[in-house]
PDB file of N, CA and C in Angstrom:
ATOM      1  N   MET A   1     129.360 133.850 147.554  1.00  0.00           N
ATOM      2  CA  MET A   1     129.395 133.964 146.191  1.00  0.00           C
ATOM      3  C   MET A   1     130.995 135.053 146.344  1.00  0.00           C
ATOM      4  N   TRP A   2     131.758 134.792 145.448  1.00  0.00           N
ATOM      5  CA  TRP A   2     132.739 135.537 145.191  1.00  0.00           C
ATOM      6  C   TRP A   2     132.654 136.433 143.883  1.00  0.00           C
ATOM      7  N   VAL A   3     133.038 137.911 143.607  1.00  0.00           N
ATOM      8  CA  VAL A   3     132.873 138.831 142.799  1.00  0.00           C
ATOM      9  C   VAL A   3     134.005 139.484 142.551  1.00  0.00           C
ATOM     10  N   ILE A   4     134.450 139.444 141.406  1.00  0.00           N
ATOM     11  CA  ILE A   4     135.433 140.286 140.917  1.00  0.00           C
ATOM     12  C   ILE A   4     134.938 141.693 140.041  1.00  0.00           C
ATOM     13  N   THR A   5     135.340 142.581 140.205  1.00  0.00           N
ATOM     14  CA  THR A   5     134.674 144.102 139.753  1.00  0.00           C
ATOM     15  C   THR A   5     136.359 144.241 138.768  1.00  0.00           C
ATOM     16  N   VAL A   6     135.931 144.563 137.564  1.00  0.00           N
ATOM     17  CA  VAL A   6     136.946 145.540 137.091  1.00  0.00           C
ATOM     18  C   VAL A   6     136.406 146.848 136.634  1.00  0.00           C
ATOM     19  N   PHE A   7     137.456 147.786 136.782  1.00  0.00           N
ATOM     20  CA  PHE A   7     137.141 149.146 136.496  1.00  0.00           C
ATOM     21  C   PHE A   7     138.053 149.442 135.450  1.00  0.00           C
ATOM     22  N   GLU A   8     137.320 149.718 134.304  1.00  0.00           N
ATOM     23  CA  GLU A   8     137.631 150.403 132.830  1.00  0.00           C
ATOM     24  C   GLU A   8     137.561 151.809 132.520  1.00  0.00           C
ATOM     25  N   ARG A   9     138.230 152.282 131.701  1.00  0.00           N
ATOM     26  CA  ARG A   9     137.824 153.901 131.591  1.00  0.00           C
ATOM     27  C   ARG A   9     136.728 154.096 131.734  1.00  0.00           C
ATOM     28  N   ASN A  10     135.397 154.003 131.251  1.00  0.00           N
ATOM     29  CA  ASN A  10     134.210 154.696 131.222  1.00  0.00           C
ATOM     30  C   ASN A  10     133.134 153.491 131.681  1.00  0.00           C
ATOM     31  N   THR A  11     133.591 152.769 132.440  1.00  0.00           N
ATOM     32  CA  THR A  11     132.775 151.613 132.731  1.00  0.00           C
ATOM     33  C   THR A  11     133.212 150.818 133.724  1.00  0.00           C
ATOM     34  N   TYR A  12     132.632 149.896 134.279  1.00  0.00           N
ATOM     35  CA  TYR A  12     133.042 148.673 135.028  1.00  0.00           C
ATOM     36  C   TYR A  12     132.451 147.496 134.798  1.00  0.00           C
ATOM     37  N   ARG A  13     132.790 146.241 134.898  1.00  0.00           N
ATOM     38  CA  ARG A  13     132.178 144.813 134.747  1.00  0.00           C
ATOM     39  C   ARG A  13     132.358 143.780 136.369  1.00  0.00           C
ATOM     40  N   MET A  14     131.252 143.215 136.398  1.00  0.00           N
ATOM     41  CA  MET A  14     131.487 142.379 137.048  1.00  0.00           C
ATOM     42  C   MET A  14     131.259 140.803 136.801  1.00  0.00           C
ATOM     43  N   PHE A  15     131.881 139.797 137.521  1.00  0.00           N
ATOM     44  CA  PHE A  15     131.927 138.488 137.412  1.00  0.00           C
ATOM     45  C   PHE A  15     132.056 138.089 138.571  1.00  0.00           C
ATOM     46  N   GLU A  16     130.956 137.021 138.604  1.00  0.00           N
ATOM     47  CA  GLU A  16     130.482 135.756 139.897  1.00  0.00           C
ATOM     48  C   GLU A  16     131.144 134.844 139.598  1.00  0.00           C
ATOM     49  N   PHE A  17     131.462 134.161 140.676  1.00  0.00           N
ATOM     50  CA  PHE A  17     132.023 132.590 140.653  1.00  0.00           C
ATOM     51  C   PHE A  17     131.876 132.250 142.137  1.00  0.00           C
ATOM     52  N   GLU A  18     131.156 131.230 142.009  1.00  0.00           N
ATOM     53  CA  GLU A  18     131.080 129.938 143.365  1.00  0.00           C
ATOM     54  C   GLU A  18     132.504 129.965 144.247  1.00  0.00           C
ATOM     55  N   ASN A  19     133.516 129.857 143.909  1.00  0.00           N
ATOM     56  CA  ASN A  19     134.489 129.512 145.026  1.00  0.00           C
ATOM     57  C   ASN A  19     135.881 130.450 145.029  1.00  0.00           C
ATOM     58  N   LYS A  20     136.365 130.702 145.926  1.00  0.00           N
ATOM     59  CA  LYS A  20     137.335 131.560 145.851  1.00  0.00           C
ATOM     60  C   LYS A  20     138.787 130.878 144.920  1.00  0.00           C
ATOM     61  N   MET A  21     138.963 129.925 145.126  1.00  0.00           N
ATOM     62  CA  MET A  21     139.872 129.684 144.273  1.00  0.00           C
ATOM     63  C   MET A  21     139.719 129.650 142.526  1.00  0.00           C
ATOM     64  N   GLU A  22     138.458 129.471 142.206  1.00  0.00           N
ATOM     65  CA  GLU A  22     137.836 129.831 140.821  1.00  0.00           C
ATOM     66  C   GLU A  22     138.318 131.410 140.467  1.00  0.00           C
ATOM     67  N   ALA A  23     137.818 132.212 141.533  1.00  0.00           N
ATOM     68  CA  ALA A  23     137.966 133.699 141.206  1.00  0.00           C
ATOM     69  C   ALA A  23     139.417 134.414 141.076  1.00  0.00           C
ATOM     70  N   ARG A  24     140.219 133.589 142.068  1.00  0.00           N
ATOM     71  CA  ARG A  24     141.519 134.184 142.140  1.00  0.00           C
ATOM     72  C   ARG A  24     142.430 133.619 140.688  1.00  0.00           C
ATOM     73  N   GLN A  25     142.075 132.490 140.292  1.00  0.00           N
ATOM     74  CA  GLN A  25     142.438 132.134 138.873  1.00  0.00           C
ATOM     75  C   GLN A  25     142.143 133.377 137.833  1.00  0.00           C
ATOM     76  N   ALA A  26     140.737 133.486 138.108  1.00  0.00           N
ATOM     77  CA  ALA A  26     140.434 134.460 136.979  1.00  0.00           C
ATOM     78  C   ALA A  26     140.655 135.871 137.451  1.00  0.00           C
ATOM     79  N   LEU A  27     141.146 136.058 138.336  1.00  0.00           N
ATOM     80  CA  LEU A  27     141.720 137.543 138.645  1.00  0.00           C
ATOM     81  C   LEU A  27     143.140 137.636 138.124  1.00  0.00           C
ATOM     82  N   ILE A  28     144.007 136.782 138.238  1.00  0.00           N
ATOM     83  CA  ILE A  28     145.100 136.317 137.587  1.00  0.00           C
ATOM     84  C   ILE A  28     145.625 136.864 136.519  1.00  0.00           C
ATOM     85  N   GLY A  29     144.776 136.372 135.283  1.00  0.00           N
ATOM     86  CA  GLY A  29     144.611 137.046 133.917  1.00  0.00           C
ATOM     87  C   GLY A  29     143.907 137.993 133.408  1.00  0.00           C
ATOM     88  N   LEU A  30     143.241 139.148 134.560  1.00  0.00           N
ATOM     89  CA  LEU A  30     142.734 140.158 134.373  1.00  0.00           C
ATOM     90  C   LEU A  30     143.976 141.346 134.111  1.00  0.00           C
ATOM     91  N   LYS A  31     143.434 142.081 133.442  1.00  0.00           N
ATOM     92  CA  LYS A  31     144.213 143.094 133.190  1.00  0.00           C
ATOM     93  C   LYS A  31     143.529 144.547 133.602  1.00  0.00           C
ATOM     94  N   GLY A  32     144.468 145.578 134.365  1.00  0.00           N
ATOM     95  CA  GLY A  32     144.096 146.721 134.867  1.00  0.00           C
ATOM     96  C   GLY A  32     143.372 146.676 136.302  1.00  0.00           C
ATOM     97  N   SER A  33     142.474 147.656 136.911  1.00  0.00           N
ATOM     98  CA  SER A  33     142.345 147.507 138.184  1.00  0.00           C
ATOM     99  C   SER A  33     141.290 146.444 138.658  1.00  0.00           C
ATOM    100  N   ALA A  34     141.410 145.579 139.572  1.00  0.00           N
ATOM    101  CA  ALA A  34     140.238 145.043 139.676  1.00  0.00           C
ATOM    102  C   ALA A  34     139.834 144.903 141.470  1.00  0.00           C
ATOM    103  N   ILE A  35     138.849 144.246 141.798  1.00  0.00           N
ATOM    104  CA  ILE A  35     138.633 144.087 143.497  1.00  0.00           C
ATOM    105  C   ILE A  35     137.796 142.773 143.373  1.00  0.00           C
ATOM    106  N   LEU A  36     138.491 141.927 144.225  1.00  0.00           N
ATOM    107  CA  LEU A  36     137.844 140.534 144.679  1.00  0.00           C
ATOM    108  C   LEU A  36     137.244 140.422 146.026  1.00  0.00           C
ATOM    109  N   SER A  37     135.973 140.222 145.749  1.00  0.00           N
ATOM    110  CA  SER A  37     135.240 140.623 147.105  1.00  0.00           C
ATOM    111  C   SER A  37     134.329 139.524 147.302  1.00  0.00           C
ATOM    112  N   PHE A  38     133.930 139.113 148.721  1.00  0.00           N
ATOM    113  CA  PHE A  38     132.929 138.035 149.040  1.00  0.00           C
ATOM    114  C   PHE A  38     131.516 138.675 149.536  1.00  0.00           C
ATOM    115  N   THR A  39     130.284 137.650 149.020  1.00  0.00           N
ATOM    116  CA  THR A  39     128.968 138.666 149.407  1.00  0.00           C
ATOM    117  C   THR A  39     128.070 137.297 149.841  1.00  0.00           C
ATOM    118  N   LYS A  40     127.518 136.977 150.639  1.00  0.00           N
ATOM    119  CA  LYS A  40     126.549 136.235 151.036  1.00  0.00           C
ATOM    120  C   LYS A  40     125.537 135.969 150.220  1.00  0.00           C
TER     121      LYS A  40
END
């Protein structure tokens, strides 16, 4: 599973994806600081 963590002013949001390509496409459209990570 691929996870994008988006850091905002006073909080954070997390989005889960089944594959890397899907996660990378979503990451391109995000603004601000974000981390793409993989977990089993």
